Amino acid sequence: MSIETEIKQDKFKSAHNKLVVNLMYTSNWLSNDQHRLLHPFGLTIQQYNVLRILRGRHPKSVHLNYIIERMLDKMSNASRLVDKLFQKGLVERTECATDRRAVDVVITKKGLNLLKTLDGKQDEWEKIVYGISAEEAEQLSALLDKVRG
């Protein structure tokens, strides 16, 4: 469905204005749909992102800064997210041996099992973009990279 139909707006100031509105609308649309997928598992999108980052380094632990550098949502409070995941038993925190002010974080078996459960659901969810070809997906991804400079 066109952005004009979705937001009931016939005209935009320019093609670039229409693009910005469409990008913002689509980003929110994807986020809301991802939220619906994760909600039954008691996870936020940001917590899910942290778990996936940790799984990528498993079985090694990582510093909090490692997580922060890789977060999709740069405005997230990674320390608070790790605390919430710790309370759920999905991660473990330990004092860093080389810097007592720093915290090392590692995903637990429970966290790995939860991600394993979510993997198939995530794969299925990602099919929402299958309306475009793999070539178009690569092209769109490259264009988005170009927008970010």
N, C-alpha and C. Protein backbone atom coordinates (compact mmCIF):
# COMPACT_ATOMS: atom_id res chain seq x y z
N MET A 1 0.84 -1.17 0.00
CA MET A 1 0.00 0.00 0.00
C MET A 1 0.90 1.25 0.00
N SER A 2 0.54 2.24 -0.73
CA SER A 2 1.35 3.45 -0.86
C SER A 2 1.34 4.26 0.44
N ILE A 3 2.39 5.06 0.63
CA ILE A 3 2.46 5.91 1.81
C ILE A 3 1.32 6.92 1.79
N GLU A 4 0.94 7.38 0.60
CA GLU A 4 -0.17 8.33 0.50
C GLU A 4 -1.46 7.72 1.08
N THR A 5 -1.71 6.46 0.75
CA THR A 5 -2.90 5.78 1.24
C THR A 5 -2.79 5.51 2.74
N GLU A 6 -1.63 5.07 3.17
CA GLU A 6 -1.43 4.72 4.58
C GLU A 6 -1.69 5.90 5.51
N ILE A 7 -1.17 7.07 5.14
CA ILE A 7 -1.31 8.21 6.04
C ILE A 7 -2.33 9.23 5.54
N LYS A 8 -3.02 8.86 4.46
CA LYS A 8 -4.09 9.70 3.91
C LYS A 8 -3.60 11.12 3.61
N GLN A 9 -2.52 11.17 2.85
CA GLN A 9 -1.93 12.45 2.43
C GLN A 9 -1.63 12.35 0.94
N ASP A 10 -2.19 13.28 0.18
CA ASP A 10 -2.05 13.24 -1.27
C ASP A 10 -0.75 13.85 -1.77
N LYS A 11 -0.29 14.90 -1.13
CA LYS A 11 0.87 15.63 -1.64
C LYS A 11 1.94 15.76 -0.57
N PHE A 12 3.17 15.80 -1.03
CA PHE A 12 4.33 16.03 -0.17
C PHE A 12 5.09 17.23 -0.72
N LYS A 13 5.89 17.87 0.11
CA LYS A 13 6.65 19.04 -0.32
C LYS A 13 7.59 18.71 -1.47
N SER A 14 8.14 17.49 -1.41
CA SER A 14 9.11 17.06 -2.42
C SER A 14 9.23 15.55 -2.38
N ALA A 15 9.93 15.01 -3.35
CA ALA A 15 10.19 13.57 -3.36
C ALA A 15 11.02 13.17 -2.14
N HIS A 16 11.94 14.05 -1.75
CA HIS A 16 12.78 13.75 -0.58
C HIS A 16 11.95 13.79 0.71
N ASN A 17 11.02 14.72 0.81
CA ASN A 17 10.13 14.78 1.97
C ASN A 17 9.29 13.51 2.04
N LYS A 18 8.78 13.06 0.90
CA LYS A 18 7.99 11.82 0.85
C LYS A 18 8.84 10.63 1.30
N LEU A 19 10.10 10.61 0.87
CA LEU A 19 11.01 9.53 1.26
C LEU A 19 11.21 9.51 2.78
N VAL A 20 11.46 10.67 3.37
CA VAL A 20 11.68 10.74 4.81
C VAL A 20 10.44 10.25 5.56
N VAL A 21 9.28 10.72 5.16
CA VAL A 21 8.03 10.29 5.80
C VAL A 21 7.86 8.78 5.64
N ASN A 22 8.12 8.27 4.45
CA ASN A 22 7.96 6.84 4.18
C ASN A 22 8.94 6.01 5.02
N LEU A 23 10.18 6.48 5.14
CA LEU A 23 11.17 5.77 5.95
C LEU A 23 10.75 5.74 7.42
N MET A 24 10.29 6.87 7.93
CA MET A 24 9.85 6.93 9.34
C MET A 24 8.64 6.05 9.57
N TYR A 25 7.68 6.10 8.66
CA TYR A 25 6.48 5.29 8.79
C TYR A 25 6.84 3.80 8.75
N THR A 26 7.67 3.42 7.80
CA THR A 26 8.05 2.02 7.64
C THR A 26 8.87 1.53 8.83
N SER A 27 9.75 2.36 9.34
CA SER A 27 10.53 1.99 10.52
C SER A 27 9.61 1.72 11.70
N ASN A 28 8.65 2.59 11.92
CA ASN A 28 7.69 2.38 13.02
C ASN A 28 6.83 1.15 12.78
N TRP A 29 6.43 0.94 11.56
CA TRP A 29 5.63 -0.23 11.20
C TRP A 29 6.38 -1.52 11.51
N LEU A 30 7.66 -1.57 11.12
CA LEU A 30 8.48 -2.75 11.40
C LEU A 30 8.68 -2.93 12.90
N SER A 31 8.97 -1.85 13.60
CA SER A 31 9.18 -1.93 15.05
C SER A 31 7.94 -2.43 15.77
N ASN A 32 6.79 -1.91 15.40
CA ASN A 32 5.54 -2.35 16.04
C ASN A 32 5.28 -3.82 15.79
N ASP A 33 5.55 -4.28 14.59
CA ASP A 33 5.33 -5.68 14.26
C ASP A 33 6.34 -6.58 15.00
N GLN A 34 7.58 -6.13 15.09
CA GLN A 34 8.60 -6.88 15.83
C GLN A 34 8.22 -6.95 17.31
N HIS A 35 7.70 -5.85 17.84
CA HIS A 35 7.25 -5.82 19.24
C HIS A 35 6.18 -6.89 19.48
N ARG A 36 5.24 -7.01 18.54
CA ARG A 36 4.18 -8.02 18.68
C ARG A 36 4.76 -9.44 18.71
N LEU A 37 5.84 -9.65 17.97
CA LEU A 37 6.48 -10.97 17.95
C LEU A 37 7.16 -11.27 19.29
N LEU A 38 7.84 -10.28 19.85
CA LEU A 38 8.65 -10.49 21.05
C LEU A 38 7.86 -10.40 22.36
N HIS A 39 6.77 -9.68 22.35
CA HIS A 39 6.00 -9.43 23.57
C HIS A 39 5.62 -10.71 24.33
N PRO A 40 5.14 -11.75 23.66
CA PRO A 40 4.78 -12.98 24.40
C PRO A 40 5.96 -13.64 25.11
N PHE A 41 7.19 -13.28 24.72
CA PHE A 41 8.38 -13.85 25.33
C PHE A 41 8.98 -12.93 26.39
N GLY A 42 8.28 -11.83 26.66
CA GLY A 42 8.72 -10.90 27.69
C GLY A 42 9.96 -10.11 27.33
N LEU A 43 10.19 -9.92 26.04
CA LEU A 43 11.37 -9.19 25.58
C LEU A 43 10.98 -7.91 24.84
N THR A 44 11.83 -6.91 25.00
CA THR A 44 11.71 -5.73 24.15
C THR A 44 12.63 -5.92 22.95
N ILE A 45 12.47 -5.09 21.96
CA ILE A 45 13.33 -5.16 20.77
C ILE A 45 14.78 -4.94 21.18
N GLN A 46 15.02 -3.99 22.09
CA GLN A 46 16.38 -3.69 22.52
C GLN A 46 17.00 -4.85 23.30
N GLN A 47 16.20 -5.51 24.16
CA GLN A 47 16.70 -6.67 24.90
C GLN A 47 17.05 -7.81 23.94
N TYR A 48 16.21 -8.00 22.94
CA TYR A 48 16.46 -9.02 21.92
C TYR A 48 17.76 -8.73 21.20
N ASN A 49 17.99 -7.46 20.88
CA ASN A 49 19.22 -7.06 20.22
C ASN A 49 20.45 -7.40 21.08
N VAL A 50 20.36 -7.11 22.38
CA VAL A 50 21.47 -7.41 23.29
C VAL A 50 21.73 -8.92 23.32
N LEU A 51 20.69 -9.71 23.42
CA LEU A 51 20.87 -11.17 23.45
C LEU A 51 21.53 -11.68 22.17
N ARG A 52 21.14 -11.13 21.04
CA ARG A 52 21.75 -11.57 19.77
C ARG A 52 23.22 -11.17 19.69
N ILE A 53 23.54 -9.99 20.21
CA ILE A 53 24.94 -9.56 20.25
C ILE A 53 25.75 -10.52 21.12
N LEU A 54 25.20 -10.87 22.28
CA LEU A 54 25.90 -11.77 23.19
C LEU A 54 26.04 -13.18 22.60
N ARG A 55 25.01 -13.63 21.90
CA ARG A 55 25.10 -14.96 21.28
C ARG A 55 26.23 -14.98 20.25
N GLY A 56 26.42 -13.88 19.56
CA GLY A 56 27.49 -13.80 18.56
C GLY A 56 28.88 -13.93 19.15
N ARG A 57 29.03 -13.65 20.43
CA ARG A 57 30.33 -13.76 21.10
C ARG A 57 30.43 -14.99 22.01
N HIS A 58 29.33 -15.70 22.19
CA HIS A 58 29.30 -16.85 23.08
C HIS A 58 30.34 -17.88 22.67
N PRO A 59 31.07 -18.49 23.57
CA PRO A 59 30.92 -18.47 25.03
C PRO A 59 31.70 -17.35 25.72
N LYS A 60 32.32 -16.47 24.96
CA LYS A 60 33.08 -15.38 25.57
C LYS A 60 32.16 -14.34 26.17
N SER A 61 32.64 -13.69 27.21
CA SER A 61 31.92 -12.56 27.78
C SER A 61 32.40 -11.29 27.09
N VAL A 62 31.63 -10.23 27.21
CA VAL A 62 31.99 -8.96 26.59
C VAL A 62 31.78 -7.82 27.58
N HIS A 63 32.51 -6.74 27.38
CA HIS A 63 32.30 -5.53 28.17
C HIS A 63 31.02 -4.86 27.71
N LEU A 64 30.44 -4.08 28.56
CA LEU A 64 29.24 -3.34 28.24
C LEU A 64 29.46 -2.43 27.02
N ASN A 65 30.64 -1.85 26.90
CA ASN A 65 30.92 -0.98 25.75
C ASN A 65 30.84 -1.73 24.43
N TYR A 66 31.21 -2.99 24.44
CA TYR A 66 31.10 -3.82 23.23
C TYR A 66 29.64 -3.89 22.78
N ILE A 67 28.75 -4.06 23.74
CA ILE A 67 27.31 -4.12 23.44
C ILE A 67 26.84 -2.78 22.91
N ILE A 68 27.22 -1.71 23.60
CA ILE A 68 26.79 -0.36 23.22
C ILE A 68 27.19 -0.04 21.79
N GLU A 69 28.40 -0.39 21.40
CA GLU A 69 28.90 -0.11 20.04
C GLU A 69 28.11 -0.83 18.96
N ARG A 70 27.48 -1.94 19.31
CA ARG A 70 26.80 -2.77 18.32
C ARG A 70 25.28 -2.66 18.35
N MET A 71 24.76 -1.92 19.30
CA MET A 71 23.30 -1.77 19.43
C MET A 71 22.71 -1.11 18.18
N LEU A 72 21.55 -1.61 17.76
CA LEU A 72 20.84 -0.98 16.64
C LEU A 72 20.25 0.35 17.06
N ASP A 73 19.75 0.41 18.28
CA ASP A 73 19.16 1.63 18.83
C ASP A 73 20.20 2.29 19.72
N LYS A 74 20.89 3.28 19.19
CA LYS A 74 21.99 3.92 19.91
C LYS A 74 21.53 4.70 21.13
N MET A 75 20.22 4.94 21.25
CA MET A 75 19.69 5.68 22.38
C MET A 75 19.35 4.75 23.55
N SER A 76 19.51 3.46 23.37
CA SER A 76 19.18 2.51 24.43
C SER A 76 20.16 2.63 25.59
N ASN A 77 19.66 2.38 26.79
CA ASN A 77 20.49 2.34 27.98
C ASN A 77 20.92 0.88 28.16
N ALA A 78 22.09 0.54 27.64
CA ALA A 78 22.55 -0.84 27.64
C ALA A 78 22.70 -1.40 29.05
N SER A 79 23.13 -0.57 29.97
CA SER A 79 23.31 -1.02 31.35
C SER A 79 21.96 -1.47 31.95
N ARG A 80 20.93 -0.67 31.73
CA ARG A 80 19.59 -1.02 32.22
C ARG A 80 19.07 -2.27 31.52
N LEU A 81 19.33 -2.38 30.22
CA LEU A 81 18.88 -3.56 29.47
C LEU A 81 19.53 -4.83 30.02
N VAL A 82 20.83 -4.76 30.28
CA VAL A 82 21.55 -5.92 30.83
C VAL A 82 20.99 -6.26 32.21
N ASP A 83 20.67 -5.25 33.02
CA ASP A 83 20.08 -5.50 34.34
C ASP A 83 18.77 -6.27 34.21
N LYS A 84 17.92 -5.84 33.27
CA LYS A 84 16.63 -6.52 33.07
C LYS A 84 16.85 -7.97 32.61
N LEU A 85 17.79 -8.17 31.70
CA LEU A 85 18.07 -9.52 31.20
C LEU A 85 18.67 -10.39 32.31
N PHE A 86 19.46 -9.79 33.19
CA PHE A 86 20.02 -10.50 34.33
C PHE A 86 18.90 -10.96 35.27
N GLN A 87 17.95 -10.06 35.53
CA GLN A 87 16.82 -10.40 36.40
C GLN A 87 15.99 -11.56 35.84
N LYS A 88 15.97 -11.68 34.52
CA LYS A 88 15.23 -12.76 33.86
C LYS A 88 16.06 -14.04 33.74
N GLY A 89 17.31 -13.99 34.17
CA GLY A 89 18.19 -15.15 34.08
C GLY A 89 18.72 -15.42 32.69
N LEU A 90 18.67 -14.41 31.82
CA LEU A 90 19.10 -14.60 30.43
C LEU A 90 20.56 -14.24 30.19
N VAL A 91 21.15 -13.49 31.13
CA VAL A 91 22.57 -13.14 31.06
C VAL A 91 23.17 -13.23 32.44
N GLU A 92 24.49 -13.33 32.47
CA GLU A 92 25.24 -13.27 33.73
C GLU A 92 26.18 -12.07 33.64
N ARG A 93 26.39 -11.42 34.79
CA ARG A 93 27.31 -10.29 34.87
C ARG A 93 28.41 -10.64 35.86
N THR A 94 29.63 -10.26 35.51
CA THR A 94 30.74 -10.43 36.44
C THR A 94 31.60 -9.18 36.37
N GLU A 95 32.27 -8.92 37.49
CA GLU A 95 33.20 -7.79 37.53
C GLU A 95 34.38 -8.11 36.64
N CYS A 96 34.77 -7.16 35.83
CA CYS A 96 35.90 -7.34 34.91
C CYS A 96 37.19 -7.50 35.72
N ALA A 97 37.98 -8.50 35.37
CA ALA A 97 39.22 -8.77 36.10
C ALA A 97 40.24 -7.66 35.93
N THR A 98 40.24 -6.99 34.79
CA THR A 98 41.25 -5.96 34.52
C THR A 98 40.79 -4.55 34.87
N ASP A 99 39.49 -4.34 35.02
CA ASP A 99 38.96 -3.01 35.34
C ASP A 99 37.74 -3.20 36.24
N ARG A 100 37.91 -2.97 37.53
CA ARG A 100 36.85 -3.25 38.51
C ARG A 100 35.60 -2.40 38.29
N ARG A 101 35.73 -1.29 37.54
CA ARG A 101 34.56 -0.45 37.26
C ARG A 101 33.73 -1.01 36.12
N ALA A 102 34.33 -1.88 35.33
CA ALA A 102 33.65 -2.44 34.16
C ALA A 102 32.96 -3.76 34.51
N VAL A 103 31.98 -4.11 33.69
CA VAL A 103 31.22 -5.34 33.89
C VAL A 103 31.34 -6.19 32.63
N ASP A 104 31.60 -7.47 32.82
CA ASP A 104 31.58 -8.42 31.71
C ASP A 104 30.21 -9.09 31.70
N VAL A 105 29.70 -9.32 30.50
CA VAL A 105 28.37 -9.90 30.35
C VAL A 105 28.47 -11.11 29.43
N VAL A 106 27.75 -12.17 29.77
CA VAL A 106 27.69 -13.37 28.93
C VAL A 106 26.26 -13.89 28.93
N ILE A 107 25.84 -14.43 27.81
CA ILE A 107 24.49 -14.99 27.71
C ILE A 107 24.46 -16.34 28.41
N THR A 108 23.36 -16.63 29.07
CA THR A 108 23.20 -17.90 29.78
C THR A 108 22.59 -18.95 28.84
N LYS A 109 22.57 -20.18 29.32
CA LYS A 109 21.93 -21.25 28.55
C LYS A 109 20.45 -20.93 28.35
N LYS A 110 19.82 -20.38 29.36
CA LYS A 110 18.42 -19.98 29.24
C LYS A 110 18.25 -18.94 28.14
N GLY A 111 19.18 -17.98 28.07
CA GLY A 111 19.14 -16.97 27.02
C GLY A 111 19.34 -17.58 25.64
N LEU A 112 20.27 -18.51 25.54
CA LEU A 112 20.52 -19.19 24.26
C LEU A 112 19.30 -19.99 23.83
N ASN A 113 18.66 -20.66 24.78
CA ASN A 113 17.47 -21.45 24.46
C ASN A 113 16.32 -20.55 23.99
N LEU A 114 16.18 -19.40 24.63
CA LEU A 114 15.13 -18.47 24.21
C LEU A 114 15.39 -17.99 22.79
N LEU A 115 16.64 -17.65 22.48
CA LEU A 115 16.95 -17.22 21.11
C LEU A 115 16.71 -18.34 20.11
N LYS A 116 17.02 -19.56 20.50
CA LYS A 116 16.79 -20.70 19.61
C LYS A 116 15.29 -20.82 19.30
N THR A 117 14.46 -20.61 20.30
CA THR A 117 13.01 -20.62 20.10
C THR A 117 12.58 -19.50 19.18
N LEU A 118 13.19 -18.33 19.36
CA LEU A 118 12.82 -17.16 18.57
C LEU A 118 13.35 -17.19 17.14
N ASP A 119 14.42 -17.94 16.88
CA ASP A 119 15.03 -17.95 15.55
C ASP A 119 14.03 -18.27 14.45
N GLY A 120 13.27 -19.32 14.62
CA GLY A 120 12.30 -19.71 13.60
C GLY A 120 11.20 -18.66 13.45
N LYS A 121 10.78 -18.11 14.56
CA LYS A 121 9.74 -17.08 14.52
C LYS A 121 10.26 -15.82 13.83
N GLN A 122 11.52 -15.49 14.10
CA GLN A 122 12.15 -14.33 13.46
C GLN A 122 12.28 -14.56 11.96
N ASP A 123 12.70 -15.76 11.57
CA ASP A 123 12.82 -16.09 10.15
C ASP A 123 11.48 -15.94 9.46
N GLU A 124 10.45 -16.43 10.11
CA GLU A 124 9.10 -16.33 9.55
C GLU A 124 8.67 -14.86 9.47
N TRP A 125 8.96 -14.10 10.51
CA TRP A 125 8.59 -12.68 10.55
C TRP A 125 9.28 -11.90 9.42
N GLU A 126 10.53 -12.23 9.16
CA GLU A 126 11.29 -11.50 8.13
C GLU A 126 10.71 -11.71 6.72
N LYS A 127 9.83 -12.68 6.58
CA LYS A 127 9.20 -12.89 5.27
C LYS A 127 8.31 -11.72 4.86
N ILE A 128 8.05 -10.79 5.78
CA ILE A 128 7.25 -9.62 5.40
C ILE A 128 7.94 -8.78 4.33
N VAL A 129 9.24 -8.97 4.16
CA VAL A 129 9.96 -8.21 3.12
C VAL A 129 10.17 -9.04 1.85
N TYR A 130 9.59 -10.22 1.81
CA TYR A 130 9.77 -11.09 0.65
C TYR A 130 8.97 -10.63 -0.57
N GLY A 131 8.25 -9.52 -0.43
CA GLY A 131 7.55 -8.95 -1.58
C GLY A 131 8.51 -8.32 -2.58
N ILE A 132 9.76 -8.18 -2.18
CA ILE A 132 10.78 -7.69 -3.10
C ILE A 132 11.82 -8.80 -3.30
N SER A 133 12.48 -8.76 -4.43
CA SER A 133 13.47 -9.80 -4.74
C SER A 133 14.73 -9.59 -3.91
N ALA A 134 15.59 -10.60 -3.89
CA ALA A 134 16.87 -10.50 -3.18
C ALA A 134 17.70 -9.36 -3.78
N GLU A 135 17.64 -9.22 -5.09
CA GLU A 135 18.38 -8.14 -5.76
C GLU A 135 17.84 -6.77 -5.33
N GLU A 136 16.52 -6.64 -5.26
CA GLU A 136 15.91 -5.38 -4.81
C GLU A 136 16.25 -5.11 -3.35
N ALA A 137 16.30 -6.17 -2.54
CA ALA A 137 16.65 -6.01 -1.13
C ALA A 137 18.08 -5.48 -1.00
N GLU A 138 18.98 -6.02 -1.79
CA GLU A 138 20.37 -5.54 -1.78
C GLU A 138 20.44 -4.08 -2.22
N GLN A 139 19.67 -3.75 -3.25
CA GLN A 139 19.66 -2.38 -3.77
C GLN A 139 19.09 -1.42 -2.72
N LEU A 140 18.00 -1.79 -2.10
CA LEU A 140 17.40 -0.94 -1.07
C LEU A 140 18.35 -0.77 0.10
N SER A 141 18.98 -1.85 0.51
CA SER A 141 19.94 -1.78 1.61
C SER A 141 21.09 -0.83 1.27
N ALA A 142 21.60 -0.92 0.04
CA ALA A 142 22.67 -0.03 -0.40
C ALA A 142 22.21 1.43 -0.42
N LEU A 143 20.97 1.66 -0.85
CA LEU A 143 20.44 3.02 -0.86
C LEU A 143 20.30 3.57 0.56
N LEU A 144 19.86 2.74 1.50
CA LEU A 144 19.76 3.17 2.89
C LEU A 144 21.13 3.47 3.46
N ASP A 145 22.14 2.67 3.11
CA ASP A 145 23.51 2.96 3.52
C ASP A 145 23.93 4.33 2.98
N LYS A 146 23.57 4.61 1.75
CA LYS A 146 23.91 5.88 1.10
C LYS A 146 23.22 7.05 1.80
N VAL A 147 21.98 6.86 2.21
CA VAL A 147 21.26 7.92 2.94
C VAL A 147 22.00 8.27 4.22
N ARG A 148 22.50 7.25 4.93
CA ARG A 148 23.21 7.48 6.19
C ARG A 148 24.61 8.02 5.95
N GLY A 149 25.05 8.03 4.70
CA GLY A 149 26.35 8.62 4.36
C GLY A 149 27.49 7.72 4.64
